[in-house]
Amino acid sequence: MLVAGKDMLVDAAREHFGLGLGGAPVILKPNRGGKGLGVRLFHTAEALAAYEAGAEYEPPVDGLHLLQQYIRAPVPLITRAEFMGGRFFYAVEVDTSEGFELCPADQCTVEDAFCPAGEGPRAKFTVIADIDPDIKQRYEAFLAANDIEIAGIEFILDEAGTVYTYDVNTNTNYNPDAEARAGRSAMTALARFLGNELTRLAEPIAVE
């Protein structure tokens, strides 16, 4: 749900909790936050109202909030599938056990308070070679229909195995530590793709 303006935020949350969704928590995030900053989880409309009225409230730069139903995954992971030339390249599993600030770029790990690196038995970002073929086919068809060549698409599976796609990034980032462990380099592949595009555009057009 897109909410324009702080004044409408609490009413929108109360509407959500009144829809008979079993008291499902909500995630509030700025429409233009960057790095996942400002993403918060609320279990009641009253908790959101207290945040909105308190000193910790951070208004989004464009005045737009995104209010989303929280999806509980069987394991605390989201997946970000990366595409180049409209084709699947690899995916990254992101450990969400420490929070929702999920920017994969290495610049985000400078301060744990803003984008926690996630020290522990599992790395925060893990490159995986493939995803479900049906999901991959659907995403590639979506990108082709919308003329998008470079993208990072984020999705999550709930406890029943239902797939929820919640974000499409067309200015994507890559995590160098995860790539080093996997022996992959999206930046190298991206440079190669862009180089081929420049060559193609520079070719003379045959006129009959």
Protein backbone atom coordinates (compact mmCIF):
# COMPACT_ATOMS: atom_id res chain seq x y z
CA MET A 1 0.00 0.00 0.00
CA LEU A 2 1.36 3.42 -1.01
CA VAL A 3 0.64 6.11 1.59
CA ALA A 4 1.13 9.74 0.62
CA GLY A 5 1.86 11.92 3.63
CA LYS A 6 2.48 11.32 7.32
CA ASP A 7 -1.07 12.33 8.30
CA MET A 8 -2.57 9.30 6.51
CA LEU A 9 -0.09 6.73 7.80
CA VAL A 10 -1.81 5.63 11.01
CA ASP A 11 -5.23 5.39 9.34
CA ALA A 12 -3.72 3.21 6.63
CA ALA A 13 -2.19 0.93 9.28
CA ARG A 14 -5.50 0.66 11.11
CA GLU A 15 -7.18 -0.23 7.83
CA HIS A 16 -4.63 -3.00 7.29
CA PHE A 17 -5.09 -4.48 10.75
CA GLY A 18 -8.86 -4.30 10.28
CA LEU A 19 -8.85 -6.36 7.07
CA GLY A 20 -9.01 -9.68 8.88
CA LEU A 21 -5.46 -10.73 8.05
CA GLY A 22 -5.02 -12.54 11.33
CA GLY A 23 -3.19 -9.63 12.92
CA ALA A 24 -0.33 -9.99 10.46
CA PRO A 25 2.45 -7.47 11.20
CA VAL A 26 3.31 -4.74 8.72
CA ILE A 27 6.55 -3.43 7.33
CA LEU A 28 6.89 0.32 6.88
CA LYS A 29 9.55 1.68 4.56
CA PRO A 30 10.21 4.91 2.69
CA ASN A 31 9.43 4.86 -1.01
CA ARG A 32 12.94 6.21 -1.69
CA GLY A 33 15.08 5.04 1.18
CA GLY A 34 18.16 3.50 -0.38
CA LYS A 35 20.14 0.64 1.20
CA GLY A 36 16.98 -0.53 2.96
CA LEU A 37 17.27 2.32 5.45
CA GLY A 38 14.25 3.24 7.52
CA VAL A 39 12.55 -0.17 7.18
CA ARG A 40 10.66 -1.08 10.36
CA LEU A 41 8.38 -3.88 11.54
CA PHE A 42 5.19 -3.18 13.52
CA HIS A 43 2.84 -5.70 15.12
CA THR A 44 0.03 -3.23 15.87
CA ALA A 45 -1.31 0.04 14.52
CA GLU A 46 -0.73 1.55 17.97
CA ALA A 47 2.99 0.74 17.79
CA LEU A 48 3.21 2.40 14.39
CA ALA A 49 1.33 5.44 15.71
CA ALA A 50 3.80 5.75 18.61
CA TYR A 51 6.73 5.63 16.16
CA GLU A 52 5.11 8.19 13.87
CA ALA A 53 4.64 10.58 16.81
CA GLY A 54 8.10 10.00 18.29
CA ALA A 55 11.55 11.46 17.78
CA GLU A 56 12.83 8.42 15.85
CA TYR A 57 10.39 8.92 12.98
CA GLU A 58 12.20 9.50 9.68
CA PRO A 59 10.12 11.11 6.92
CA PRO A 60 10.85 9.78 3.42
CA VAL A 61 12.45 12.26 1.05
CA ASP A 62 9.47 12.22 -1.32
CA GLY A 63 6.78 12.06 1.37
CA LEU A 64 5.67 8.57 0.30
CA HIS A 65 5.56 5.55 2.59
CA LEU A 66 5.18 1.91 1.58
CA LEU A 67 3.08 -0.15 3.98
CA GLN A 68 3.39 -3.88 3.32
CA GLN A 69 2.12 -7.03 4.97
CA TYR A 70 4.97 -8.86 6.67
CA ILE A 71 5.60 -12.28 5.14
CA ARG A 72 6.99 -14.83 7.58
CA ALA A 73 9.44 -17.14 5.85
CA PRO A 74 10.28 -20.62 7.19
CA VAL A 75 13.92 -19.46 7.33
CA PRO A 76 14.98 -15.79 7.66
CA LEU A 77 15.98 -15.31 4.03
CA ILE A 78 15.00 -13.25 1.02
CA THR A 79 16.34 -13.88 -2.47
CA ARG A 80 17.54 -11.26 -4.94
CA ALA A 81 17.77 -12.51 -8.53
CA GLU A 82 20.15 -10.57 -10.79
CA PHE A 83 19.53 -10.21 -14.52
CA MET A 84 21.71 -8.91 -17.36
CA GLY A 85 20.49 -8.44 -20.88
CA GLY A 86 17.15 -9.58 -19.53
CA ARG A 87 18.58 -13.00 -18.68
CA PHE A 88 19.19 -14.56 -15.28
CA PHE A 89 22.83 -14.23 -14.11
CA TYR A 90 22.80 -15.43 -10.50
CA ALA A 91 20.88 -14.91 -7.28
CA VAL A 92 21.83 -13.82 -3.79
CA GLU A 93 20.27 -15.19 -0.63
CA VAL A 94 20.16 -12.50 2.05
CA ASP A 95 20.00 -13.38 5.75
CA THR A 96 17.32 -11.16 7.33
CA SER A 97 17.77 -12.40 10.90
CA GLU A 98 19.47 -9.13 11.91
CA GLY A 99 17.03 -6.76 10.24
CA PHE A 100 15.68 -5.48 6.97
CA GLU A 101 18.52 -3.28 5.73
CA LEU A 102 19.56 -5.48 2.85
CA CYS A 103 21.77 -3.42 0.55
CA PRO A 104 24.34 -5.81 -0.98
CA ALA A 105 26.93 -3.17 -1.95
CA ASP A 106 30.20 -3.15 0.00
CA GLN A 107 29.72 0.57 0.77
CA CYS A 108 26.76 -0.37 2.95
CA THR A 109 28.86 -2.39 5.37
CA VAL A 110 30.93 0.57 6.58
CA GLU A 111 28.69 1.05 9.61
CA ASP A 112 26.75 -1.83 11.11
CA ALA A 113 24.18 0.62 12.48
CA PHE A 114 23.01 1.34 8.95
CA CYS A 115 23.60 -1.86 7.04
CA PRO A 116 24.76 -4.70 9.31
CA ALA A 117 27.30 -7.04 7.80
CA GLY A 118 25.96 -9.96 9.79
CA GLU A 119 28.85 -11.78 11.43
CA GLY A 120 28.02 -15.35 12.41
CA PRO A 121 27.89 -18.89 11.08
CA ARG A 122 26.07 -17.77 7.93
CA ALA A 123 27.23 -14.87 5.77
CA LYS A 124 24.64 -12.16 5.27
CA PHE A 125 24.94 -12.45 1.47
CA THR A 126 25.40 -15.78 -0.32
CA VAL A 127 25.52 -16.16 -4.10
CA ILE A 128 23.53 -19.10 -5.44
CA ALA A 129 23.77 -20.36 -9.01
CA ASP A 130 20.09 -20.83 -9.79
CA ILE A 131 16.49 -20.36 -8.69
CA ASP A 132 13.26 -22.19 -9.45
CA PRO A 133 12.92 -22.44 -13.28
CA ASP A 134 9.31 -21.24 -13.25
CA ILE A 135 10.17 -18.13 -11.21
CA LYS A 136 13.11 -17.41 -13.48
CA GLN A 137 11.00 -17.76 -16.62
CA ARG A 138 8.32 -15.46 -15.23
CA TYR A 139 10.86 -12.79 -14.30
CA GLU A 140 12.58 -12.92 -17.70
CA ALA A 141 9.19 -12.58 -19.41
CA PHE A 142 8.33 -9.61 -17.17
CA LEU A 143 11.63 -7.87 -17.97
CA ALA A 144 11.21 -8.48 -21.71
CA ALA A 145 7.65 -7.10 -21.65
CA ASN A 146 8.88 -3.94 -19.92
CA ASP A 147 12.12 -3.51 -21.91
CA ILE A 148 14.31 -3.87 -18.80
CA GLU A 149 17.76 -5.34 -19.35
CA ILE A 150 19.54 -4.84 -16.00
CA ALA A 151 17.63 -5.63 -12.82
CA GLY A 152 17.69 -7.15 -9.36
CA ILE A 153 14.32 -8.68 -8.43
CA GLU A 154 13.67 -9.52 -4.77
CA PHE A 155 11.27 -12.19 -3.58
CA ILE A 156 10.41 -14.21 -0.49
CA LEU A 157 8.68 -17.55 0.12
CA ASP A 158 6.21 -17.94 2.96
CA GLU A 159 5.72 -21.05 5.09
CA ALA A 160 3.33 -22.51 2.47
CA GLY A 161 5.85 -22.03 -0.33
CA THR A 162 3.99 -19.12 -1.94
CA VAL A 163 6.29 -16.70 -3.76
CA TYR A 164 5.92 -12.98 -3.09
CA THR A 165 7.80 -10.61 -5.40
CA TYR A 166 8.12 -7.28 -3.63
CA ASP A 167 10.84 -5.21 -5.31
CA VAL A 168 12.31 -4.61 -8.76
CA ASN A 169 15.60 -2.68 -8.77
CA THR A 170 16.88 -1.28 -12.06
CA ASN A 171 19.95 0.30 -10.43
CA THR A 172 21.24 -2.87 -8.83
CA ASN A 173 24.26 -3.53 -6.58
CA TYR A 174 26.55 -6.52 -6.13
CA ASN A 175 28.34 -7.79 -3.03
CA PRO A 176 32.07 -8.39 -3.65
CA ASP A 177 32.61 -10.68 -0.64
CA ALA A 178 29.77 -12.99 -1.67
CA GLU A 179 31.03 -12.98 -5.25
CA ALA A 180 34.58 -13.81 -4.15
CA ARG A 181 33.31 -16.85 -2.23
CA ALA A 182 31.31 -17.98 -5.27
CA GLY A 183 33.95 -17.15 -7.88
CA ARG A 184 31.55 -14.89 -9.80
CA SER A 185 31.81 -11.25 -10.91
CA ALA A 186 28.67 -9.45 -11.92
CA MET A 187 30.57 -6.21 -12.57
CA THR A 188 32.80 -7.99 -15.10
CA ALA A 189 29.78 -9.48 -16.81
CA LEU A 190 28.01 -6.11 -16.75
CA ALA A 191 31.03 -4.36 -18.30
CA ARG A 192 31.13 -7.02 -21.01
CA PHE A 193 27.41 -6.63 -21.69
CA LEU A 194 27.63 -2.83 -21.89
CA GLY A 195 30.69 -3.08 -24.14
CA ASN A 196 28.78 -5.33 -26.52
CA GLU A 197 25.88 -2.87 -26.48
CA LEU A 198 28.19 0.02 -27.39
CA THR A 199 29.69 -2.01 -30.23
CA ARG A 200 26.24 -2.90 -31.51
CA LEU A 201 25.07 0.71 -31.43
CA ALA A 202 28.20 1.88 -33.23
CA GLU A 203 27.68 -0.48 -36.14
CA PRO A 204 26.52 1.29 -39.33
CA ILE A 205 22.94 0.68 -40.36
CA ALA A 206 22.65 -0.89 -43.79
CA VAL A 207 20.42 1.08 -46.15
CA GLU A 208 18.98 -0.75 -49.11
